[in-house]
Amino acid sequence: MKWHRKNEEEDPAETALDIGEDSELTPERPAEPLPPTEAGLAGTSVERGGLSFVGIPRTRGNWDLVVTGEAPDLTGADELGFVAVEDGDIFMDSQFPEGDVTPLAEAIELQIQPPYRAFGARQEGDLWAIAARGIDLGRFQAAGDEIELTVRGGEHDLVVDGRKSLASVPELERMGKEECADFFARAVRIEDDLWELTISPL
């Protein structure tokens, strides 16, 4: 689901939502949460590997920052996940609250700029804690919603949506080889030909 974020000049009634069948995201959450602590003031940050808000599990190095922000118009859910891209669009995951997430994105963007992935949890009332980390994006056409490509010693191993594939993804391979001759690449579809990329040398 794509959210066109509102600005001061827009009529809220004209804000559009675009829903595509390939646009669902699942927010990544660390497996080892630290004990929760009290939330700070809206807009404050938590250093890497430090405090943990209620509902925001922390593993050292997983998030670039955690901030708090007030979003009075969000109702119907106490957790959310989204990806913000450079043109200002926000791609929500499949379980989203009703209302405007722009105030939470603005709290993040006081410190980091898009593109980034974010996960949020309501703390109390209108107060949310939001964890975010910068991501890399790429555009290419390919089947599936999640691709894993391993290239080692000239051998190629491609997995699409959890199943091995004999197909090829030339653009993903090209981007991987720009990093290193041997690499592991993971691509998660955000929408249409837009993918979140992780490329690691082997």
N, C-alpha and C. Protein backbone atom coordinates (compact mmCIF):
# COMPACT_ATOMS: atom_id res chain seq x y z
N MET A 1 0.84 -1.18 0.00
CA MET A 1 0.00 0.00 0.00
C MET A 1 0.88 1.24 0.00
N LYS A 2 0.64 2.18 -0.93
CA LYS A 2 1.45 3.38 -1.04
C LYS A 2 0.69 4.57 -0.50
N TRP A 3 1.34 5.33 0.38
CA TRP A 3 0.76 6.52 0.98
C TRP A 3 1.45 7.73 0.38
N HIS A 4 0.67 8.62 -0.27
CA HIS A 4 1.21 9.89 -0.73
C HIS A 4 1.14 10.84 0.45
N ARG A 5 2.30 11.16 1.04
CA ARG A 5 2.25 11.93 2.28
C ARG A 5 1.70 13.33 2.03
N LYS A 6 0.99 13.82 3.04
CA LYS A 6 0.33 15.11 2.92
C LYS A 6 1.32 16.23 3.18
N ASN A 7 1.06 17.39 2.55
CA ASN A 7 1.78 18.59 2.91
C ASN A 7 0.78 19.69 3.20
N GLU A 8 1.28 20.84 3.61
CA GLU A 8 0.40 21.90 4.09
C GLU A 8 -0.52 22.43 3.00
N GLU A 9 -0.15 22.26 1.72
CA GLU A 9 -0.93 22.82 0.64
C GLU A 9 -2.01 21.88 0.15
N GLU A 10 -1.99 20.64 0.59
CA GLU A 10 -2.93 19.66 0.09
C GLU A 10 -4.22 19.68 0.89
N ASP A 11 -5.31 19.41 0.21
CA ASP A 11 -6.58 19.18 0.87
C ASP A 11 -6.58 17.75 1.37
N PRO A 12 -6.75 17.51 2.69
CA PRO A 12 -6.72 16.13 3.21
C PRO A 12 -7.68 15.21 2.49
N ALA A 13 -8.79 15.75 1.99
CA ALA A 13 -9.77 14.90 1.31
C ALA A 13 -9.25 14.39 -0.01
N GLU A 14 -8.18 15.06 -0.55
CA GLU A 14 -7.65 14.66 -1.84
C GLU A 14 -6.45 13.75 -1.73
N THR A 15 -6.00 13.45 -0.49
CA THR A 15 -4.87 12.57 -0.32
C THR A 15 -5.23 11.18 -0.82
N ALA A 16 -4.33 10.59 -1.65
CA ALA A 16 -4.67 9.34 -2.33
C ALA A 16 -3.95 8.17 -1.70
N LEU A 17 -4.56 7.02 -1.81
CA LEU A 17 -3.95 5.76 -1.44
C LEU A 17 -3.94 4.87 -2.66
N ASP A 18 -2.77 4.31 -3.00
CA ASP A 18 -2.66 3.37 -4.10
C ASP A 18 -2.37 2.00 -3.52
N ILE A 19 -3.18 1.01 -3.87
CA ILE A 19 -2.99 -0.34 -3.36
C ILE A 19 -2.67 -1.26 -4.52
N GLY A 20 -1.54 -2.00 -4.40
CA GLY A 20 -1.15 -2.96 -5.42
C GLY A 20 -0.97 -4.31 -4.80
N GLU A 21 -1.20 -5.35 -5.57
CA GLU A 21 -1.15 -6.69 -4.98
C GLU A 21 0.25 -7.09 -4.60
N ASP A 22 1.27 -6.41 -5.14
CA ASP A 22 2.65 -6.78 -4.83
C ASP A 22 3.27 -5.84 -3.81
N SER A 23 2.48 -4.98 -3.18
CA SER A 23 3.06 -3.94 -2.35
C SER A 23 3.14 -4.28 -0.88
N GLU A 24 2.74 -5.45 -0.44
CA GLU A 24 2.75 -5.77 0.98
C GLU A 24 4.17 -5.96 1.47
N LEU A 25 4.45 -5.43 2.66
CA LEU A 25 5.75 -5.57 3.29
C LEU A 25 5.57 -6.15 4.67
N THR A 26 6.56 -6.85 5.13
CA THR A 26 6.56 -7.34 6.49
C THR A 26 7.70 -6.67 7.22
N PRO A 27 7.43 -5.87 8.24
CA PRO A 27 8.51 -5.18 8.92
C PRO A 27 9.45 -6.17 9.58
N GLU A 28 10.78 -5.92 9.45
CA GLU A 28 11.76 -6.80 10.04
C GLU A 28 11.91 -6.46 11.51
N ARG A 29 11.88 -7.48 12.37
CA ARG A 29 12.00 -7.26 13.80
C ARG A 29 13.08 -8.17 14.35
N PRO A 30 14.00 -7.63 15.15
CA PRO A 30 15.06 -8.46 15.72
C PRO A 30 14.49 -9.58 16.56
N ALA A 31 15.23 -10.68 16.64
CA ALA A 31 14.74 -11.84 17.36
C ALA A 31 15.00 -11.77 18.86
N GLU A 32 15.93 -10.88 19.29
CA GLU A 32 16.31 -10.85 20.70
C GLU A 32 16.02 -9.47 21.28
N PRO A 33 14.80 -9.21 21.74
CA PRO A 33 14.49 -7.90 22.30
C PRO A 33 15.15 -7.69 23.64
N LEU A 34 15.53 -6.42 23.92
CA LEU A 34 15.99 -6.06 25.24
C LEU A 34 14.80 -5.67 26.09
N PRO A 35 14.94 -5.65 27.41
CA PRO A 35 13.81 -5.26 28.26
C PRO A 35 13.35 -3.86 27.92
N PRO A 36 12.02 -3.61 27.92
CA PRO A 36 11.52 -2.28 27.60
C PRO A 36 11.85 -1.27 28.67
N THR A 37 11.87 0.01 28.29
CA THR A 37 12.09 1.08 29.23
C THR A 37 11.14 2.20 28.90
N GLU A 38 11.16 3.26 29.68
CA GLU A 38 10.22 4.35 29.46
C GLU A 38 10.56 5.09 28.18
N ALA A 39 9.54 5.55 27.46
CA ALA A 39 9.74 6.34 26.26
C ALA A 39 10.19 7.74 26.64
N GLY A 40 11.01 8.35 25.76
CA GLY A 40 11.47 9.70 26.00
C GLY A 40 10.50 10.71 25.42
N LEU A 41 10.97 11.96 25.31
CA LEU A 41 10.13 13.01 24.75
C LEU A 41 10.01 12.85 23.25
N ALA A 42 8.92 13.35 22.69
CA ALA A 42 8.69 13.24 21.25
C ALA A 42 9.85 13.84 20.49
N GLY A 43 10.34 13.10 19.50
CA GLY A 43 11.42 13.58 18.66
C GLY A 43 12.80 13.27 19.17
N THR A 44 12.94 12.70 20.37
CA THR A 44 14.26 12.37 20.87
C THR A 44 14.73 11.06 20.27
N SER A 45 16.05 10.86 20.26
CA SER A 45 16.61 9.66 19.66
C SER A 45 17.29 8.80 20.71
N VAL A 46 17.51 7.56 20.35
CA VAL A 46 18.21 6.62 21.21
C VAL A 46 19.43 6.15 20.44
N GLU A 47 20.60 6.18 21.06
CA GLU A 47 21.81 5.79 20.36
C GLU A 47 21.78 4.30 20.05
N ARG A 48 22.54 3.92 19.01
CA ARG A 48 22.60 2.54 18.55
C ARG A 48 22.94 1.60 19.70
N GLY A 49 22.12 0.57 19.87
CA GLY A 49 22.40 -0.43 20.89
C GLY A 49 22.03 0.00 22.30
N GLY A 50 21.29 1.09 22.44
CA GLY A 50 20.99 1.60 23.76
C GLY A 50 19.63 1.19 24.25
N LEU A 51 18.81 2.17 24.57
CA LEU A 51 17.52 1.91 25.19
C LEU A 51 16.57 1.16 24.26
N SER A 52 15.53 0.61 24.86
CA SER A 52 14.51 -0.10 24.08
C SER A 52 13.15 0.38 24.54
N PHE A 53 12.30 0.80 23.59
CA PHE A 53 10.95 1.20 23.92
C PHE A 53 10.04 -0.01 23.94
N VAL A 54 8.89 0.14 24.61
CA VAL A 54 7.90 -0.92 24.62
C VAL A 54 7.47 -1.22 23.19
N GLY A 55 7.60 -2.49 22.76
CA GLY A 55 7.19 -2.89 21.42
C GLY A 55 8.25 -2.71 20.37
N ILE A 56 9.37 -2.06 20.68
CA ILE A 56 10.46 -1.88 19.73
C ILE A 56 11.64 -2.71 20.19
N PRO A 57 11.76 -3.97 19.74
CA PRO A 57 12.90 -4.78 20.14
C PRO A 57 14.19 -4.22 19.57
N ARG A 58 15.26 -4.27 20.34
CA ARG A 58 16.53 -3.71 19.91
C ARG A 58 17.61 -4.79 19.90
N THR A 59 18.30 -4.92 18.81
CA THR A 59 19.53 -5.69 18.74
C THR A 59 20.60 -4.74 18.24
N ARG A 60 21.76 -4.73 18.87
CA ARG A 60 22.80 -3.78 18.52
C ARG A 60 23.08 -3.80 17.02
N GLY A 61 22.99 -2.64 16.41
CA GLY A 61 23.31 -2.52 14.99
C GLY A 61 22.14 -2.72 14.07
N ASN A 62 20.99 -3.16 14.56
CA ASN A 62 19.88 -3.43 13.66
C ASN A 62 19.22 -2.15 13.17
N TRP A 63 19.04 -1.18 14.05
CA TRP A 63 18.40 0.09 13.69
C TRP A 63 19.42 1.21 13.71
N ASP A 64 19.24 2.20 12.85
CA ASP A 64 20.09 3.38 12.88
C ASP A 64 19.67 4.34 13.98
N LEU A 65 18.40 4.39 14.29
CA LEU A 65 17.93 5.25 15.37
C LEU A 65 16.54 4.80 15.81
N VAL A 66 16.17 5.23 17.01
CA VAL A 66 14.81 5.07 17.51
C VAL A 66 14.37 6.45 17.99
N VAL A 67 13.21 6.89 17.54
CA VAL A 67 12.67 8.19 17.95
C VAL A 67 11.24 8.00 18.43
N THR A 68 10.75 9.02 19.12
CA THR A 68 9.34 9.05 19.47
C THR A 68 8.67 10.20 18.76
N GLY A 69 7.40 10.03 18.45
CA GLY A 69 6.65 11.07 17.79
C GLY A 69 5.17 10.91 18.06
N GLU A 70 4.45 12.00 17.97
CA GLU A 70 3.01 11.97 18.20
C GLU A 70 2.27 11.94 16.86
N ALA A 71 1.32 11.01 16.75
CA ALA A 71 0.51 10.87 15.54
C ALA A 71 -0.95 10.75 15.97
N PRO A 72 -1.63 11.87 16.17
CA PRO A 72 -2.99 11.83 16.76
C PRO A 72 -4.04 11.22 15.86
N ASP A 73 -3.75 11.06 14.57
CA ASP A 73 -4.78 10.58 13.64
C ASP A 73 -4.69 9.09 13.35
N LEU A 74 -3.78 8.36 14.01
CA LEU A 74 -3.62 6.94 13.74
C LEU A 74 -4.50 6.12 14.67
N THR A 75 -5.42 5.34 14.10
CA THR A 75 -6.32 4.51 14.89
C THR A 75 -6.42 3.12 14.28
N GLY A 76 -6.83 2.15 15.09
CA GLY A 76 -7.13 0.83 14.57
C GLY A 76 -6.01 -0.18 14.65
N ALA A 77 -4.80 0.23 15.02
CA ALA A 77 -3.69 -0.71 15.17
C ALA A 77 -2.65 -0.07 16.07
N ASP A 78 -1.88 -0.90 16.76
CA ASP A 78 -0.85 -0.40 17.67
C ASP A 78 0.56 -0.67 17.17
N GLU A 79 0.70 -1.26 15.98
CA GLU A 79 2.00 -1.47 15.36
C GLU A 79 1.89 -1.10 13.88
N LEU A 80 3.01 -0.72 13.30
CA LEU A 80 3.03 -0.42 11.87
C LEU A 80 4.44 -0.62 11.34
N GLY A 81 4.52 -0.81 10.03
CA GLY A 81 5.80 -0.88 9.35
C GLY A 81 5.66 -0.16 8.02
N PHE A 82 6.74 0.52 7.61
CA PHE A 82 6.68 1.19 6.32
C PHE A 82 8.08 1.43 5.77
N VAL A 83 8.12 1.67 4.46
CA VAL A 83 9.34 2.07 3.77
C VAL A 83 9.09 3.44 3.18
N ALA A 84 9.98 4.39 3.44
CA ALA A 84 9.90 5.73 2.85
C ALA A 84 10.97 5.85 1.77
N VAL A 85 10.59 6.37 0.61
CA VAL A 85 11.52 6.50 -0.50
C VAL A 85 11.78 7.97 -0.79
N GLU A 86 12.75 8.22 -1.66
CA GLU A 86 13.27 9.57 -1.82
C GLU A 86 12.27 10.55 -2.42
N ASP A 87 11.28 10.05 -3.17
CA ASP A 87 10.32 10.98 -3.78
C ASP A 87 9.21 11.39 -2.82
N GLY A 88 9.28 10.91 -1.56
CA GLY A 88 8.30 11.30 -0.56
C GLY A 88 7.21 10.29 -0.32
N ASP A 89 7.07 9.27 -1.18
CA ASP A 89 6.05 8.25 -0.98
C ASP A 89 6.41 7.34 0.19
N ILE A 90 5.38 6.84 0.85
CA ILE A 90 5.54 5.91 1.96
C ILE A 90 4.77 4.64 1.61
N PHE A 91 5.44 3.51 1.65
CA PHE A 91 4.84 2.22 1.34
C PHE A 91 4.58 1.49 2.66
N MET A 92 3.28 1.33 2.99
CA MET A 92 2.91 0.70 4.24
C MET A 92 2.92 -0.81 4.11
N ASP A 93 3.11 -1.50 5.25
CA ASP A 93 2.97 -2.95 5.21
C ASP A 93 1.49 -3.31 5.24
N SER A 94 1.19 -4.59 5.30
CA SER A 94 -0.20 -5.03 5.15
C SER A 94 -1.05 -4.77 6.38
N GLN A 95 -0.41 -4.60 7.55
CA GLN A 95 -1.17 -4.34 8.77
C GLN A 95 -0.91 -2.89 9.17
N PHE A 96 -1.78 -2.01 8.76
CA PHE A 96 -1.54 -0.59 8.98
C PHE A 96 -2.71 0.02 9.73
N PRO A 97 -2.45 1.02 10.57
CA PRO A 97 -3.56 1.74 11.20
C PRO A 97 -4.18 2.71 10.21
N GLU A 98 -5.37 3.16 10.51
CA GLU A 98 -6.01 4.18 9.70
C GLU A 98 -5.48 5.55 10.13
N GLY A 99 -5.29 6.44 9.16
CA GLY A 99 -4.84 7.78 9.47
C GLY A 99 -3.53 8.12 8.77
N ASP A 100 -2.92 9.21 9.21
CA ASP A 100 -1.76 9.78 8.55
C ASP A 100 -0.48 9.47 9.32
N VAL A 101 0.49 8.81 8.67
CA VAL A 101 1.76 8.48 9.32
C VAL A 101 2.81 9.56 9.10
N THR A 102 2.45 10.64 8.39
CA THR A 102 3.43 11.68 8.08
C THR A 102 4.16 12.21 9.31
N PRO A 103 3.48 12.47 10.46
CA PRO A 103 4.23 12.98 11.62
C PRO A 103 5.34 12.05 12.08
N LEU A 104 5.14 10.74 11.95
CA LEU A 104 6.18 9.80 12.37
C LEU A 104 7.34 9.81 11.39
N ALA A 105 7.04 9.90 10.10
CA ALA A 105 8.11 10.01 9.10
C ALA A 105 8.91 11.29 9.31
N GLU A 106 8.23 12.37 9.63
CA GLU A 106 8.92 13.64 9.84
C GLU A 106 9.83 13.58 11.06
N ALA A 107 9.42 12.85 12.11
CA ALA A 107 10.27 12.69 13.28
C ALA A 107 11.55 11.94 12.93
N ILE A 108 11.44 10.91 12.10
CA ILE A 108 12.62 10.17 11.64
C ILE A 108 13.51 11.06 10.81
N GLU A 109 12.91 11.84 9.91
CA GLU A 109 13.69 12.59 8.92
C GLU A 109 14.35 13.83 9.48
N LEU A 110 14.17 14.09 10.77
CA LEU A 110 14.99 15.08 11.43
C LEU A 110 16.44 14.61 11.52
N GLN A 111 16.65 13.28 11.41
CA GLN A 111 18.00 12.74 11.59
C GLN A 111 18.48 11.90 10.42
N ILE A 112 17.61 11.15 9.75
CA ILE A 112 18.04 10.42 8.56
C ILE A 112 17.04 10.69 7.46
N GLN A 113 17.51 10.62 6.23
CA GLN A 113 16.69 10.90 5.07
C GLN A 113 16.33 9.60 4.35
N PRO A 114 15.23 9.60 3.60
CA PRO A 114 14.88 8.43 2.80
C PRO A 114 15.99 8.12 1.79
N PRO A 115 16.07 6.84 1.40
CA PRO A 115 15.16 5.74 1.73
C PRO A 115 15.50 5.09 3.06
N TYR A 116 14.46 4.63 3.77
CA TYR A 116 14.66 3.91 5.02
C TYR A 116 13.46 3.01 5.27
N ARG A 117 13.68 1.99 6.11
CA ARG A 117 12.62 1.12 6.59
C ARG A 117 12.35 1.46 8.05
N ALA A 118 11.08 1.47 8.44
CA ALA A 118 10.71 1.84 9.81
C ALA A 118 9.72 0.84 10.38
N PHE A 119 9.80 0.66 11.69
CA PHE A 119 8.83 -0.14 12.44
C PHE A 119 8.40 0.68 13.64
N GLY A 120 7.09 0.75 13.89
CA GLY A 120 6.59 1.57 14.98
C GLY A 120 5.67 0.81 15.91
N ALA A 121 5.65 1.24 17.17
CA ALA A 121 4.74 0.67 18.17
C ALA A 121 4.17 1.80 19.01
N ARG A 122 2.85 1.76 19.20
CA ARG A 122 2.21 2.78 20.04
C ARG A 122 2.67 2.61 21.48
N GLN A 123 3.05 3.73 22.12
CA GLN A 123 3.47 3.68 23.52
C GLN A 123 2.30 3.97 24.45
N GLU A 124 1.63 5.08 24.22
CA GLU A 124 0.45 5.45 25.01
C GLU A 124 -0.27 6.57 24.29
N GLY A 125 -1.55 6.39 24.08
CA GLY A 125 -2.31 7.44 23.41
C GLY A 125 -1.79 7.72 22.01
N ASP A 126 -1.41 8.97 21.76
CA ASP A 126 -0.91 9.37 20.45
C ASP A 126 0.60 9.22 20.31
N LEU A 127 1.29 8.77 21.37
CA LEU A 127 2.75 8.69 21.35
C LEU A 127 3.20 7.35 20.78
N TRP A 128 4.07 7.41 19.76
CA TRP A 128 4.62 6.22 19.12
C TRP A 128 6.13 6.22 19.24
N ALA A 129 6.71 5.03 19.35
CA ALA A 129 8.15 4.85 19.20
C ALA A 129 8.39 4.27 17.81
N ILE A 130 9.36 4.83 17.09
CA ILE A 130 9.64 4.42 15.71
C ILE A 130 11.12 4.11 15.58
N ALA A 131 11.42 2.90 15.13
CA ALA A 131 12.80 2.51 14.82
C ALA A 131 12.98 2.57 13.30
N ALA A 132 14.14 3.03 12.86
CA ALA A 132 14.38 3.16 11.42
C ALA A 132 15.83 2.85 11.08
N ARG A 133 16.03 2.39 9.87
CA ARG A 133 17.39 2.17 9.36
C ARG A 133 17.40 2.48 7.87
N GLY A 134 18.50 3.05 7.41
CA GLY A 134 18.66 3.34 6.00
C GLY A 134 18.75 2.07 5.18
N ILE A 135 18.23 2.12 3.96
CA ILE A 135 18.24 0.96 3.07
C ILE A 135 18.71 1.38 1.69
N ASP A 136 19.05 0.40 0.86
CA ASP A 136 19.39 0.61 -0.54
C ASP A 136 18.23 0.13 -1.40
N LEU A 137 18.00 0.83 -2.49
CA LEU A 137 16.92 0.50 -3.41
C LEU A 137 17.47 0.21 -4.80
N GLY A 138 16.72 -0.56 -5.55
CA GLY A 138 17.05 -0.83 -6.94
C GLY A 138 15.79 -1.04 -7.75
N ARG A 139 15.88 -0.81 -9.05
CA ARG A 139 14.72 -1.02 -9.93
C ARG A 139 15.09 -2.04 -11.00
N PHE A 140 14.30 -3.10 -11.08
CA PHE A 140 14.46 -4.10 -12.13
C PHE A 140 13.20 -4.96 -12.16
N GLN A 141 13.01 -5.64 -13.26
CA GLN A 141 11.88 -6.54 -13.43
C GLN A 141 12.30 -7.96 -13.09
N ALA A 142 11.51 -8.63 -12.27
CA ALA A 142 11.79 -10.02 -11.92
C ALA A 142 10.53 -10.64 -11.33
N ALA A 143 10.46 -11.97 -11.37
CA ALA A 143 9.34 -12.69 -10.77
C ALA A 143 9.55 -12.81 -9.27
N GLY A 144 8.44 -13.00 -8.54
CA GLY A 144 8.52 -13.24 -7.11
C GLY A 144 8.53 -11.96 -6.31
N ASP A 145 8.51 -12.13 -4.99
CA ASP A 145 8.54 -11.00 -4.06
C ASP A 145 9.80 -10.95 -3.22
N GLU A 146 10.52 -12.06 -3.15
CA GLU A 146 11.79 -12.09 -2.41
C GLU A 146 12.78 -12.95 -3.18
N ILE A 147 13.95 -12.37 -3.45
CA ILE A 147 14.97 -13.04 -4.26
C ILE A 147 16.26 -13.11 -3.47
N GLU A 148 16.90 -14.26 -3.48
CA GLU A 148 18.22 -14.42 -2.89
C GLU A 148 19.15 -14.98 -3.96
N LEU A 149 20.23 -14.28 -4.19
CA LEU A 149 21.20 -14.67 -5.22
C LEU A 149 22.58 -14.78 -4.60
N THR A 150 23.18 -15.96 -4.73
CA THR A 150 24.55 -16.19 -4.25
C THR A 150 25.44 -16.46 -5.44
N VAL A 151 26.51 -15.71 -5.55
CA VAL A 151 27.50 -15.91 -6.61
C VAL A 151 28.85 -16.14 -5.94
N ARG A 152 29.42 -17.34 -6.20
CA ARG A 152 30.70 -17.69 -5.58
C ARG A 152 31.50 -18.53 -6.57
N GLY A 153 32.68 -18.07 -6.88
CA GLY A 153 33.56 -18.82 -7.77
C GLY A 153 32.94 -19.12 -9.12
N GLY A 154 32.13 -18.19 -9.62
CA GLY A 154 31.49 -18.39 -10.92
C GLY A 154 30.22 -19.20 -10.87
N GLU A 155 29.89 -19.77 -9.71
CA GLU A 155 28.64 -20.53 -9.55
C GLU A 155 27.53 -19.61 -9.08
N HIS A 156 26.32 -19.83 -9.61
CA HIS A 156 25.16 -19.01 -9.28
C HIS A 156 24.10 -19.86 -8.60
N ASP A 157 23.55 -19.37 -7.51
CA ASP A 157 22.46 -20.04 -6.81
C ASP A 157 21.36 -19.02 -6.59
N LEU A 158 20.20 -19.24 -7.23
CA LEU A 158 19.10 -18.30 -7.15
C LEU A 158 17.92 -18.94 -6.43
N VAL A 159 17.36 -18.24 -5.45
CA VAL A 159 16.18 -18.68 -4.71
C VAL A 159 15.14 -17.58 -4.83
N VAL A 160 13.94 -17.95 -5.29
CA VAL A 160 12.84 -17.00 -5.46
C VAL A 160 11.68 -17.44 -4.59
N ASP A 161 11.29 -16.61 -3.65
CA ASP A 161 10.20 -16.92 -2.73
C ASP A 161 10.40 -18.27 -2.06
N GLY A 162 11.64 -18.53 -1.65
CA GLY A 162 11.95 -19.74 -0.91
C GLY A 162 12.20 -20.98 -1.73
N ARG A 163 12.14 -20.88 -3.07
CA ARG A 163 12.35 -22.04 -3.93
C ARG A 163 13.50 -21.79 -4.89
N LYS A 164 14.34 -22.79 -5.08
CA LYS A 164 15.43 -22.66 -6.03
C LYS A 164 14.89 -22.45 -7.43
N SER A 165 15.61 -21.63 -8.19
CA SER A 165 15.16 -21.28 -9.54
C SER A 165 16.33 -21.38 -10.51
N LEU A 166 16.01 -21.78 -11.74
CA LEU A 166 17.02 -21.84 -12.80
C LEU A 166 17.01 -20.56 -13.63
N ALA A 167 16.17 -19.62 -13.27
CA ALA A 167 16.10 -18.35 -14.00
C ALA A 167 17.32 -17.49 -13.66
N SER A 168 17.36 -16.31 -14.22
CA SER A 168 18.43 -15.37 -13.93
C SER A 168 17.82 -13.99 -13.71
N VAL A 169 18.53 -13.19 -12.92
CA VAL A 169 18.12 -11.80 -12.68
C VAL A 169 19.34 -10.94 -13.01
N PRO A 170 19.54 -10.62 -14.28
CA PRO A 170 20.77 -9.95 -14.72
C PRO A 170 21.06 -8.64 -14.00
N GLU A 171 20.02 -7.84 -13.75
CA GLU A 171 20.27 -6.53 -13.13
C GLU A 171 20.73 -6.70 -11.69
N LEU A 172 20.14 -7.65 -10.96
CA LEU A 172 20.58 -7.89 -9.58
C LEU A 172 22.00 -8.42 -9.57
N GLU A 173 22.31 -9.30 -10.52
CA GLU A 173 23.68 -9.82 -10.61
C GLU A 173 24.66 -8.70 -10.93
N ARG A 174 24.29 -7.81 -11.82
CA ARG A 174 25.17 -6.70 -12.17
C ARG A 174 25.45 -5.83 -10.94
N MET A 175 24.40 -5.51 -10.18
CA MET A 175 24.59 -4.68 -8.99
C MET A 175 25.44 -5.38 -7.95
N GLY A 176 25.27 -6.70 -7.83
CA GLY A 176 26.10 -7.44 -6.89
C GLY A 176 27.56 -7.42 -7.28
N LYS A 177 27.86 -7.58 -8.56
CA LYS A 177 29.24 -7.61 -9.03
C LYS A 177 29.92 -6.26 -8.93
N GLU A 178 29.11 -5.20 -8.84
CA GLU A 178 29.69 -3.88 -8.60
C GLU A 178 30.28 -3.79 -7.20
N GLU A 179 29.80 -4.64 -6.29
CA GLU A 179 30.31 -4.67 -4.92
C GLU A 179 31.49 -5.61 -4.78
N CYS A 180 31.35 -6.80 -5.37
CA CYS A 180 32.39 -7.82 -5.20
C CYS A 180 32.15 -8.95 -6.20
N ALA A 181 33.22 -9.66 -6.58
CA ALA A 181 33.06 -10.77 -7.52
C ALA A 181 32.20 -11.88 -6.92
N ASP A 182 32.41 -12.19 -5.63
CA ASP A 182 31.59 -13.17 -4.92
C ASP A 182 30.72 -12.43 -3.91
N PHE A 183 29.42 -12.70 -3.94
CA PHE A 183 28.52 -11.93 -3.10
C PHE A 183 27.23 -12.70 -2.83
N PHE A 184 26.50 -12.22 -1.80
CA PHE A 184 25.14 -12.66 -1.54
C PHE A 184 24.25 -11.44 -1.66
N ALA A 185 23.19 -11.55 -2.45
CA ALA A 185 22.25 -10.44 -2.64
C ALA A 185 20.85 -10.88 -2.27
N ARG A 186 20.15 -10.02 -1.57
CA ARG A 186 18.75 -10.26 -1.22
C ARG A 186 17.94 -9.06 -1.67
N ALA A 187 16.85 -9.33 -2.37
CA ALA A 187 15.97 -8.27 -2.86
C ALA A 187 14.55 -8.56 -2.41
N VAL A 188 13.90 -7.57 -1.82
CA VAL A 188 12.52 -7.69 -1.36
C VAL A 188 11.70 -6.64 -2.11
N ARG A 189 10.65 -7.11 -2.79
CA ARG A 189 9.85 -6.19 -3.58
C ARG A 189 9.11 -5.19 -2.68
N ILE A 190 9.20 -3.93 -3.05
CA ILE A 190 8.42 -2.90 -2.39
C ILE A 190 7.15 -2.63 -3.19
N GLU A 191 7.30 -2.37 -4.47
CA GLU A 191 6.16 -2.23 -5.36
C GLU A 191 6.65 -2.28 -6.81
N ASP A 192 5.94 -3.04 -7.64
CA ASP A 192 6.25 -3.13 -9.07
C ASP A 192 7.73 -3.46 -9.28
N ASP A 193 8.51 -2.55 -9.88
CA ASP A 193 9.92 -2.83 -10.15
C ASP A 193 10.84 -2.24 -9.10
N LEU A 194 10.31 -1.78 -7.97
CA LEU A 194 11.12 -1.18 -6.90
C LEU A 194 11.39 -2.21 -5.83
N TRP A 195 12.68 -2.40 -5.51
CA TRP A 195 13.12 -3.43 -4.56
C TRP A 195 14.01 -2.84 -3.48
N GLU A 196 13.90 -3.42 -2.28
CA GLU A 196 14.87 -3.15 -1.22
C GLU A 196 16.02 -4.14 -1.36
N LEU A 197 17.26 -3.65 -1.35
CA LEU A 197 18.42 -4.50 -1.65
C LEU A 197 19.35 -4.60 -0.45
N THR A 198 19.88 -5.82 -0.27
CA THR A 198 20.99 -6.06 0.66
C THR A 198 22.03 -6.86 -0.10
N ILE A 199 23.23 -6.31 -0.24
CA ILE A 199 24.30 -7.00 -0.97
C ILE A 199 25.51 -7.11 -0.05
N SER A 200 25.96 -8.34 0.17
CA SER A 200 27.07 -8.59 1.09
C SER A 200 28.17 -9.37 0.39
N PRO A 201 29.42 -8.87 0.42
CA PRO A 201 30.53 -9.63 -0.16
C PRO A 201 30.74 -10.95 0.58
N LEU A 202 31.18 -11.98 -0.15
CA LEU A 202 31.49 -13.28 0.46
C LEU A 202 32.99 -13.48 0.52
